[in-house]
Amino acid sequence: MIDLSTFLGLADIALGTFEPKPTSVEGNQQEAAQTLWSSPDGRLEIGVWECTPGRFTADRSQAAEFCHLLSGAVEMRHADGRVEHLGPGDALILPRGWKGEWVLTKQTRKIYAFYRD
């Protein structure tokens, strides 16, 4: 039988200890995450992530990512120079191969889904 999984209170779920963000280039950022579910083959991972303000690089060469922002404020800087501003309730998809920067102007929490080929 295939069963249903539910996840409640994601805006407040404990994420564990905040640690330095390896790709942070400005702001000495700290991040924490909690995986909620992974597919048996390891190709799909869903979880919650939170990070302190600052700027970091992102490279989605190995996976596509869907994000739904629960709190905070983000400026997405695409490699081609475009900039988009996102906040609570907004969602985005970073297709496999996307590269750019995230600028967090406020501490930000998101639900994420990574899909690896």
Protein backbone atom coordinates (compact mmCIF):
# COMPACT_ATOMS: atom_id res chain seq x y z
CA MET A 1 0.00 0.00 0.00
CA ILE A 2 1.21 3.51 -0.85
CA ASP A 3 0.85 5.80 2.14
CA LEU A 4 0.56 9.55 2.59
CA SER A 5 3.17 11.68 4.39
CA THR A 6 2.24 14.97 6.05
CA PHE A 7 4.47 17.71 7.43
CA LEU A 8 2.96 20.27 9.77
CA GLY A 9 4.24 23.57 11.17
CA LEU A 10 7.11 23.96 8.72
CA ALA A 11 7.47 27.67 9.49
CA ASP A 12 8.49 26.70 13.04
CA ILE A 13 10.01 23.22 12.71
CA ALA A 14 13.35 22.80 14.51
CA LEU A 15 16.22 22.62 12.02
CA GLY A 16 19.10 21.83 14.34
CA THR A 17 22.35 23.69 14.82
CA PHE A 18 23.21 26.54 12.48
CA GLU A 19 26.64 26.10 10.85
CA PRO A 20 28.76 28.24 8.50
CA LYS A 21 27.47 28.33 4.91
CA PRO A 22 30.33 27.02 2.71
CA THR A 23 29.46 29.14 -0.34
CA SER A 24 28.92 32.39 1.57
CA VAL A 25 30.86 35.30 0.05
CA GLU A 26 29.45 38.11 2.19
CA GLY A 27 27.89 38.25 5.65
CA ASN A 28 29.48 35.25 7.41
CA GLN A 29 26.23 33.34 6.86
CA GLN A 30 24.98 30.48 9.01
CA GLU A 31 22.53 27.85 7.77
CA ALA A 32 20.52 24.89 9.03
CA ALA A 33 18.32 22.35 7.27
CA GLN A 34 16.06 19.41 8.00
CA THR A 35 15.33 16.74 5.39
CA LEU A 36 11.66 15.80 5.52
CA TRP A 37 11.59 13.06 2.89
CA SER A 38 13.88 11.36 0.36
CA SER A 39 12.82 9.01 -2.40
CA PRO A 40 14.08 5.42 -2.14
CA ASP A 41 16.34 5.96 -5.18
CA GLY A 42 17.80 9.17 -3.69
CA ARG A 43 16.83 11.31 -6.68
CA LEU A 44 14.25 13.48 -4.87
CA GLU A 45 14.84 15.20 -1.53
CA ILE A 46 12.37 17.52 0.20
CA GLY A 47 13.18 19.59 3.26
CA VAL A 48 13.29 22.90 5.07
CA TRP A 49 16.31 25.24 5.02
CA GLU A 50 17.05 28.51 6.80
CA CYS A 51 19.93 30.96 6.45
CA THR A 52 21.06 34.25 7.98
CA PRO A 53 21.43 37.42 5.87
CA GLY A 54 24.29 37.78 3.39
CA ARG A 55 25.28 36.65 -0.10
CA PHE A 56 26.20 33.20 -1.40
CA THR A 57 26.85 31.53 -4.73
CA ALA A 58 24.68 28.69 -6.02
CA ASP A 59 25.42 26.10 -8.69
CA ARG A 60 22.66 23.72 -9.72
CA SER A 61 24.79 21.71 -12.15
CA GLN A 62 23.89 18.45 -10.42
CA ALA A 63 20.22 18.98 -9.56
CA ALA A 64 17.14 21.08 -10.21
CA GLU A 65 15.56 22.80 -7.22
CA PHE A 66 12.07 24.02 -6.36
CA CYS A 67 11.82 26.54 -3.50
CA HIS A 68 8.83 27.99 -1.65
CA LEU A 69 9.76 30.87 0.68
CA LEU A 70 8.15 30.75 4.10
CA SER A 71 9.84 33.87 5.50
CA GLY A 72 12.56 36.38 4.73
CA ALA A 73 13.61 38.39 1.69
CA VAL A 74 15.75 37.23 -1.22
CA GLU A 75 17.35 38.92 -4.20
CA MET A 76 18.13 36.32 -6.88
CA ARG A 77 21.01 37.33 -9.14
CA HIS A 78 21.16 35.32 -12.35
CA ALA A 79 24.45 34.76 -14.18
CA ASP A 80 23.15 36.95 -17.05
CA GLY A 81 22.71 39.93 -14.68
CA ARG A 82 18.93 39.73 -14.15
CA VAL A 83 17.75 40.32 -10.58
CA GLU A 84 14.48 39.15 -9.00
CA HIS A 85 13.14 40.02 -5.55
CA LEU A 86 11.22 37.33 -3.64
CA GLY A 87 9.54 37.10 -0.24
CA PRO A 88 7.16 34.96 1.83
CA GLY A 89 4.70 33.02 -0.29
CA ASP A 90 6.81 33.25 -3.46
CA ALA A 91 8.20 30.18 -5.22
CA LEU A 92 10.93 29.60 -7.76
CA ILE A 93 12.45 26.83 -9.83
CA LEU A 94 16.17 26.65 -10.46
CA PRO A 95 16.56 24.32 -13.44
CA ARG A 96 19.48 21.94 -13.62
CA GLY A 97 22.45 24.02 -14.84
CA TRP A 98 21.38 27.31 -13.19
CA LYS A 99 24.17 29.37 -11.63
CA GLY A 100 23.94 32.64 -9.76
CA GLU A 101 23.81 34.26 -6.36
CA TRP A 102 21.31 34.51 -3.54
CA VAL A 103 21.34 37.75 -1.54
CA LEU A 104 19.37 37.36 1.68
CA THR A 105 18.41 40.76 3.07
CA LYS A 106 16.59 39.10 5.98
CA GLN A 107 16.94 35.70 7.61
CA THR A 108 15.14 33.38 5.20
CA ARG A 109 13.38 30.01 5.51
CA LYS A 110 12.25 27.92 2.56
CA ILE A 111 10.81 24.55 1.68
CA TYR A 112 13.00 22.95 -0.97
CA ALA A 113 12.81 20.00 -3.32
CA PHE A 114 15.99 18.82 -5.06
CA TYR A 115 15.66 16.54 -8.09
CA ARG A 116 18.80 14.76 -9.27
CA ASP A 117 18.94 12.93 -12.63
